[in-house]
Amino acid sequence: MMTRRQFTKTIGATAALAAAHPRSVWSVKASPAFSPIPDLTPAPVSPADFAPGNLAAAVETVERQLIISTLDRTRGNISESARVLGLTRRGLYLKMRRLGLEGAIADI
């Protein structure tokens, strides 16, 4: 599948070719490489998906799940987990302490 950048470059090159050789471009058959770009809109989320009643609790739940899954993927490597999450090591440690996840590393 083509990336958006590759698609844009291909369209630009095709337009330049069409300007130089108007007849030859339009005789080319479409290939599967030019499939439409998939819809990347996020799936709708209903309030029932989150048990907490307020935004702060929902954010805390999402942060907790994201940290645990990232630690699991990195096999407990704090530095790598912090990099993946876009945090410093200290920031990750502080967030883990706030969320009560100090023992999460030992469980992995």
N, C-alpha and C. Protein backbone atom coordinates (compact mmCIF):
# COMPACT_ATOMS: atom_id res chain seq x y z
N MET A 1 0.84 -1.17 0.00
CA MET A 1 0.00 0.00 0.00
C MET A 1 0.89 1.24 0.00
N MET A 2 0.49 2.23 -0.72
CA MET A 2 1.26 3.46 -0.82
C MET A 2 0.99 4.35 0.38
N THR A 3 2.01 5.08 0.79
CA THR A 3 1.80 6.08 1.84
C THR A 3 1.22 7.32 1.20
N ARG A 4 0.72 8.21 2.02
CA ARG A 4 0.13 9.45 1.50
C ARG A 4 1.19 10.26 0.74
N ARG A 5 2.42 10.26 1.26
CA ARG A 5 3.49 11.01 0.60
C ARG A 5 3.82 10.43 -0.76
N GLN A 6 3.90 9.10 -0.85
CA GLN A 6 4.17 8.45 -2.13
C GLN A 6 3.04 8.74 -3.11
N PHE A 7 1.82 8.70 -2.63
CA PHE A 7 0.66 8.96 -3.47
C PHE A 7 0.72 10.38 -4.03
N THR A 8 1.04 11.35 -3.16
CA THR A 8 1.12 12.75 -3.58
C THR A 8 2.23 12.94 -4.61
N LYS A 9 3.38 12.31 -4.38
CA LYS A 9 4.48 12.42 -5.34
C LYS A 9 4.10 11.80 -6.68
N THR A 10 3.38 10.69 -6.65
CA THR A 10 2.97 10.02 -7.88
C THR A 10 1.98 10.88 -8.65
N ILE A 11 1.04 11.49 -7.94
CA ILE A 11 0.07 12.36 -8.61
C ILE A 11 0.79 13.56 -9.24
N GLY A 12 1.76 14.13 -8.53
CA GLY A 12 2.53 15.26 -9.08
C GLY A 12 3.30 14.86 -10.31
N ALA A 13 3.93 13.68 -10.28
CA ALA A 13 4.69 13.20 -11.43
C ALA A 13 3.76 12.92 -12.60
N THR A 14 2.58 12.39 -12.32
CA THR A 14 1.61 12.11 -13.38
C THR A 14 1.12 13.40 -14.01
N ALA A 15 0.88 14.42 -13.20
CA ALA A 15 0.44 15.70 -13.74
C ALA A 15 1.52 16.32 -14.62
N ALA A 16 2.78 16.21 -14.20
CA ALA A 16 3.88 16.74 -15.01
C ALA A 16 3.99 15.98 -16.33
N LEU A 17 3.82 14.67 -16.26
CA LEU A 17 3.87 13.85 -17.47
C LEU A 17 2.70 14.17 -18.39
N ALA A 18 1.53 14.42 -17.81
CA ALA A 18 0.35 14.75 -18.61
C ALA A 18 0.55 16.06 -19.34
N ALA A 19 1.22 17.00 -18.68
CA ALA A 19 1.46 18.29 -19.34
C ALA A 19 2.42 18.13 -20.50
N ALA A 20 3.40 17.25 -20.36
CA ALA A 20 4.41 17.06 -21.41
C ALA A 20 3.89 16.15 -22.53
N HIS A 21 3.13 15.12 -22.19
CA HIS A 21 2.64 14.14 -23.17
C HIS A 21 1.17 13.86 -22.91
N PRO A 22 0.28 14.71 -23.36
CA PRO A 22 -1.13 14.57 -23.01
C PRO A 22 -1.77 13.24 -23.42
N ARG A 23 -1.41 12.67 -24.53
CA ARG A 23 -2.07 11.45 -25.00
C ARG A 23 -1.58 10.20 -24.27
N SER A 24 -0.30 10.12 -23.95
CA SER A 24 0.26 8.89 -23.39
C SER A 24 -0.19 8.63 -21.96
N VAL A 25 -0.42 9.66 -21.18
CA VAL A 25 -0.76 9.48 -19.78
C VAL A 25 -2.13 8.83 -19.62
N TRP A 26 -3.07 9.26 -20.37
CA TRP A 26 -4.44 8.79 -20.20
C TRP A 26 -4.66 7.41 -20.78
N SER A 27 -3.69 6.87 -21.51
CA SER A 27 -3.85 5.52 -22.04
C SER A 27 -3.34 4.47 -21.06
N VAL A 28 -2.73 4.89 -19.95
CA VAL A 28 -2.22 3.97 -18.95
C VAL A 28 -3.38 3.46 -18.10
N LYS A 29 -3.44 2.14 -17.89
CA LYS A 29 -4.50 1.56 -17.07
C LYS A 29 -4.18 1.75 -15.59
N ALA A 30 -5.23 1.86 -14.79
CA ALA A 30 -5.05 2.00 -13.34
C ALA A 30 -4.53 0.69 -12.77
N SER A 31 -3.63 0.78 -11.82
CA SER A 31 -3.08 -0.41 -11.19
C SER A 31 -3.55 -0.49 -9.74
N PRO A 32 -3.47 -1.67 -9.12
CA PRO A 32 -3.88 -1.80 -7.72
C PRO A 32 -3.07 -0.92 -6.78
N ALA A 33 -1.91 -0.46 -7.22
CA ALA A 33 -1.08 0.39 -6.36
C ALA A 33 -1.77 1.72 -6.09
N PHE A 34 -2.73 2.08 -6.92
CA PHE A 34 -3.43 3.35 -6.75
C PHE A 34 -4.79 3.15 -6.09
N SER A 35 -4.85 2.24 -5.15
CA SER A 35 -6.10 2.03 -4.43
C SER A 35 -6.39 3.26 -3.58
N PRO A 36 -7.65 3.51 -3.30
CA PRO A 36 -7.97 4.71 -2.52
C PRO A 36 -7.37 4.65 -1.11
N ILE A 37 -7.10 5.80 -0.57
CA ILE A 37 -6.54 5.90 0.77
C ILE A 37 -7.63 5.50 1.77
N PRO A 38 -7.32 4.60 2.70
CA PRO A 38 -8.35 4.13 3.64
C PRO A 38 -8.80 5.24 4.57
N ASP A 39 -10.01 5.10 5.06
CA ASP A 39 -10.55 6.05 6.03
C ASP A 39 -9.86 5.83 7.36
N LEU A 40 -9.17 6.85 7.86
CA LEU A 40 -8.40 6.72 9.10
C LEU A 40 -9.06 7.42 10.28
N THR A 41 -10.36 7.72 10.15
CA THR A 41 -11.04 8.36 11.27
C THR A 41 -11.19 7.37 12.41
N PRO A 42 -11.03 7.84 13.65
CA PRO A 42 -11.13 6.92 14.79
C PRO A 42 -12.54 6.38 14.95
N ALA A 43 -12.62 5.19 15.50
CA ALA A 43 -13.93 4.58 15.75
C ALA A 43 -14.66 5.39 16.82
N PRO A 44 -15.97 5.51 16.69
CA PRO A 44 -16.70 6.27 17.71
C PRO A 44 -16.61 5.60 19.07
N VAL A 45 -16.52 6.42 20.10
CA VAL A 45 -16.42 5.92 21.46
C VAL A 45 -17.67 6.37 22.20
N SER A 46 -18.32 5.43 22.83
CA SER A 46 -19.52 5.78 23.58
C SER A 46 -19.16 5.95 25.06
N PRO A 47 -19.95 6.69 25.80
CA PRO A 47 -19.67 6.86 27.22
C PRO A 47 -19.69 5.54 27.98
N ALA A 48 -20.40 4.55 27.45
CA ALA A 48 -20.46 3.25 28.12
C ALA A 48 -19.13 2.51 28.07
N ASP A 49 -18.22 2.93 27.15
CA ASP A 49 -16.91 2.29 27.05
C ASP A 49 -16.04 2.58 28.27
N PHE A 50 -16.36 3.64 29.01
CA PHE A 50 -15.59 4.03 30.19
C PHE A 50 -16.50 3.97 31.41
N ALA A 51 -16.08 3.20 32.39
CA ALA A 51 -16.87 3.09 33.61
C ALA A 51 -16.79 4.35 34.47
N PRO A 52 -15.63 5.07 34.50
CA PRO A 52 -15.55 6.25 35.35
C PRO A 52 -16.57 7.31 34.95
N GLY A 53 -16.92 8.14 35.93
CA GLY A 53 -17.92 9.14 35.67
C GLY A 53 -17.39 10.50 35.27
N ASN A 54 -16.09 10.73 35.36
CA ASN A 54 -15.59 12.05 34.99
C ASN A 54 -14.35 11.93 34.09
N LEU A 55 -13.96 13.02 33.50
CA LEU A 55 -12.86 13.02 32.55
C LEU A 55 -11.53 12.64 33.20
N ALA A 56 -11.27 13.16 34.39
CA ALA A 56 -10.00 12.86 35.07
C ALA A 56 -9.85 11.36 35.31
N ALA A 57 -10.92 10.71 35.73
CA ALA A 57 -10.86 9.27 35.98
C ALA A 57 -10.67 8.50 34.67
N ALA A 58 -11.30 8.97 33.59
CA ALA A 58 -11.15 8.30 32.29
C ALA A 58 -9.72 8.44 31.78
N VAL A 59 -9.14 9.62 31.93
CA VAL A 59 -7.76 9.84 31.51
C VAL A 59 -6.82 8.96 32.33
N GLU A 60 -7.06 8.87 33.62
CA GLU A 60 -6.23 8.04 34.49
C GLU A 60 -6.30 6.57 34.07
N THR A 61 -7.49 6.11 33.71
CA THR A 61 -7.66 4.73 33.27
C THR A 61 -6.89 4.46 31.97
N VAL A 62 -7.00 5.39 31.03
CA VAL A 62 -6.30 5.24 29.75
C VAL A 62 -4.79 5.29 29.97
N GLU A 63 -4.31 6.22 30.79
CA GLU A 63 -2.87 6.31 31.07
C GLU A 63 -2.36 5.01 31.69
N ARG A 64 -3.10 4.49 32.65
CA ARG A 64 -2.70 3.25 33.33
C ARG A 64 -2.59 2.10 32.33
N GLN A 65 -3.60 1.94 31.48
CA GLN A 65 -3.59 0.85 30.50
C GLN A 65 -2.46 1.02 29.50
N LEU A 66 -2.21 2.25 29.06
CA LEU A 66 -1.15 2.52 28.08
C LEU A 66 0.23 2.24 28.67
N ILE A 67 0.45 2.66 29.90
CA ILE A 67 1.74 2.42 30.55
C ILE A 67 1.97 0.93 30.75
N ILE A 68 0.96 0.22 31.22
CA ILE A 68 1.11 -1.22 31.45
C ILE A 68 1.38 -1.96 30.14
N SER A 69 0.65 -1.61 29.08
CA SER A 69 0.87 -2.30 27.80
C SER A 69 2.24 -1.97 27.21
N THR A 70 2.70 -0.72 27.38
CA THR A 70 4.01 -0.34 26.86
C THR A 70 5.11 -1.04 27.65
N LEU A 71 4.99 -1.10 28.95
CA LEU A 71 5.98 -1.83 29.76
C LEU A 71 6.01 -3.30 29.36
N ASP A 72 4.86 -3.86 29.07
CA ASP A 72 4.79 -5.26 28.65
C ASP A 72 5.50 -5.45 27.31
N ARG A 73 5.26 -4.54 26.36
CA ARG A 73 5.91 -4.65 25.04
C ARG A 73 7.41 -4.48 25.11
N THR A 74 7.87 -3.64 26.03
CA THR A 74 9.31 -3.39 26.15
C THR A 74 9.95 -4.29 27.21
N ARG A 75 9.22 -5.26 27.69
CA ARG A 75 9.69 -6.22 28.69
C ARG A 75 10.23 -5.51 29.93
N GLY A 76 9.54 -4.48 30.37
CA GLY A 76 9.89 -3.79 31.60
C GLY A 76 11.00 -2.77 31.48
N ASN A 77 11.46 -2.48 30.28
CA ASN A 77 12.53 -1.51 30.08
C ASN A 77 11.97 -0.10 30.23
N ILE A 78 12.28 0.55 31.35
CA ILE A 78 11.74 1.88 31.64
C ILE A 78 12.19 2.92 30.63
N SER A 79 13.47 2.92 30.27
CA SER A 79 13.98 3.91 29.32
C SER A 79 13.27 3.80 27.97
N GLU A 80 13.12 2.58 27.48
CA GLU A 80 12.46 2.35 26.20
C GLU A 80 10.97 2.71 26.29
N SER A 81 10.34 2.34 27.38
CA SER A 81 8.92 2.67 27.57
C SER A 81 8.72 4.18 27.60
N ALA A 82 9.59 4.87 28.31
CA ALA A 82 9.48 6.33 28.38
C ALA A 82 9.65 6.95 26.99
N ARG A 83 10.60 6.43 26.21
CA ARG A 83 10.82 6.96 24.86
C ARG A 83 9.58 6.73 23.99
N VAL A 84 9.01 5.53 24.06
CA VAL A 84 7.82 5.21 23.26
C VAL A 84 6.65 6.11 23.65
N LEU A 85 6.51 6.37 24.94
CA LEU A 85 5.40 7.19 25.44
C LEU A 85 5.65 8.69 25.31
N GLY A 86 6.86 9.08 24.93
CA GLY A 86 7.17 10.50 24.80
C GLY A 86 7.40 11.18 26.13
N LEU A 87 7.90 10.42 27.10
CA LEU A 87 8.18 10.96 28.43
C LEU A 87 9.65 10.81 28.76
N THR A 88 10.09 11.51 29.81
CA THR A 88 11.42 11.24 30.34
C THR A 88 11.29 10.06 31.30
N ARG A 89 12.43 9.46 31.66
CA ARG A 89 12.38 8.36 32.62
C ARG A 89 11.77 8.84 33.93
N ARG A 90 12.22 10.00 34.37
CA ARG A 90 11.69 10.56 35.62
C ARG A 90 10.19 10.81 35.51
N GLY A 91 9.76 11.35 34.38
CA GLY A 91 8.33 11.59 34.18
C GLY A 91 7.52 10.31 34.23
N LEU A 92 8.06 9.25 33.64
CA LEU A 92 7.37 7.96 33.67
C LEU A 92 7.31 7.41 35.10
N TYR A 93 8.44 7.50 35.82
CA TYR A 93 8.44 7.04 37.21
C TYR A 93 7.42 7.81 38.05
N LEU A 94 7.36 9.13 37.88
CA LEU A 94 6.42 9.94 38.65
C LEU A 94 4.97 9.58 38.31
N LYS A 95 4.70 9.38 37.03
CA LYS A 95 3.36 9.02 36.60
C LYS A 95 2.98 7.64 37.13
N MET A 96 3.94 6.71 37.13
CA MET A 96 3.68 5.37 37.65
C MET A 96 3.38 5.44 39.15
N ARG A 97 4.12 6.29 39.87
CA ARG A 97 3.88 6.43 41.31
C ARG A 97 2.49 7.00 41.55
N ARG A 98 2.11 8.02 40.76
CA ARG A 98 0.80 8.65 40.92
C ARG A 98 -0.34 7.67 40.63
N LEU A 99 -0.12 6.76 39.67
CA LEU A 99 -1.14 5.80 39.28
C LEU A 99 -1.07 4.50 40.09
N GLY A 100 -0.10 4.42 41.01
CA GLY A 100 0.03 3.23 41.84
C GLY A 100 0.59 2.03 41.07
N LEU A 101 1.47 2.28 40.13
CA LEU A 101 2.04 1.23 39.30
C LEU A 101 3.50 0.92 39.63
N GLU A 102 3.95 1.23 40.83
CA GLU A 102 5.35 0.97 41.18
C GLU A 102 5.71 -0.51 41.02
N GLY A 103 4.78 -1.40 41.33
CA GLY A 103 5.03 -2.83 41.26
C GLY A 103 4.79 -3.42 39.88
N ALA A 104 4.42 -2.59 38.91
CA ALA A 104 4.10 -3.09 37.57
C ALA A 104 5.33 -3.69 36.90
N ILE A 105 6.51 -3.17 37.19
CA ILE A 105 7.74 -3.68 36.56
C ILE A 105 8.03 -5.08 37.08
N ALA A 106 7.81 -5.32 38.36
CA ALA A 106 8.09 -6.64 38.93
C ALA A 106 7.14 -7.69 38.38
N ASP A 107 5.93 -7.29 37.97
CA ASP A 107 4.95 -8.24 37.45
C ASP A 107 5.24 -8.68 36.02
N ILE A 108 6.13 -7.97 35.34
CA ILE A 108 6.38 -8.26 33.92
C ILE A 108 7.46 -9.29 33.76
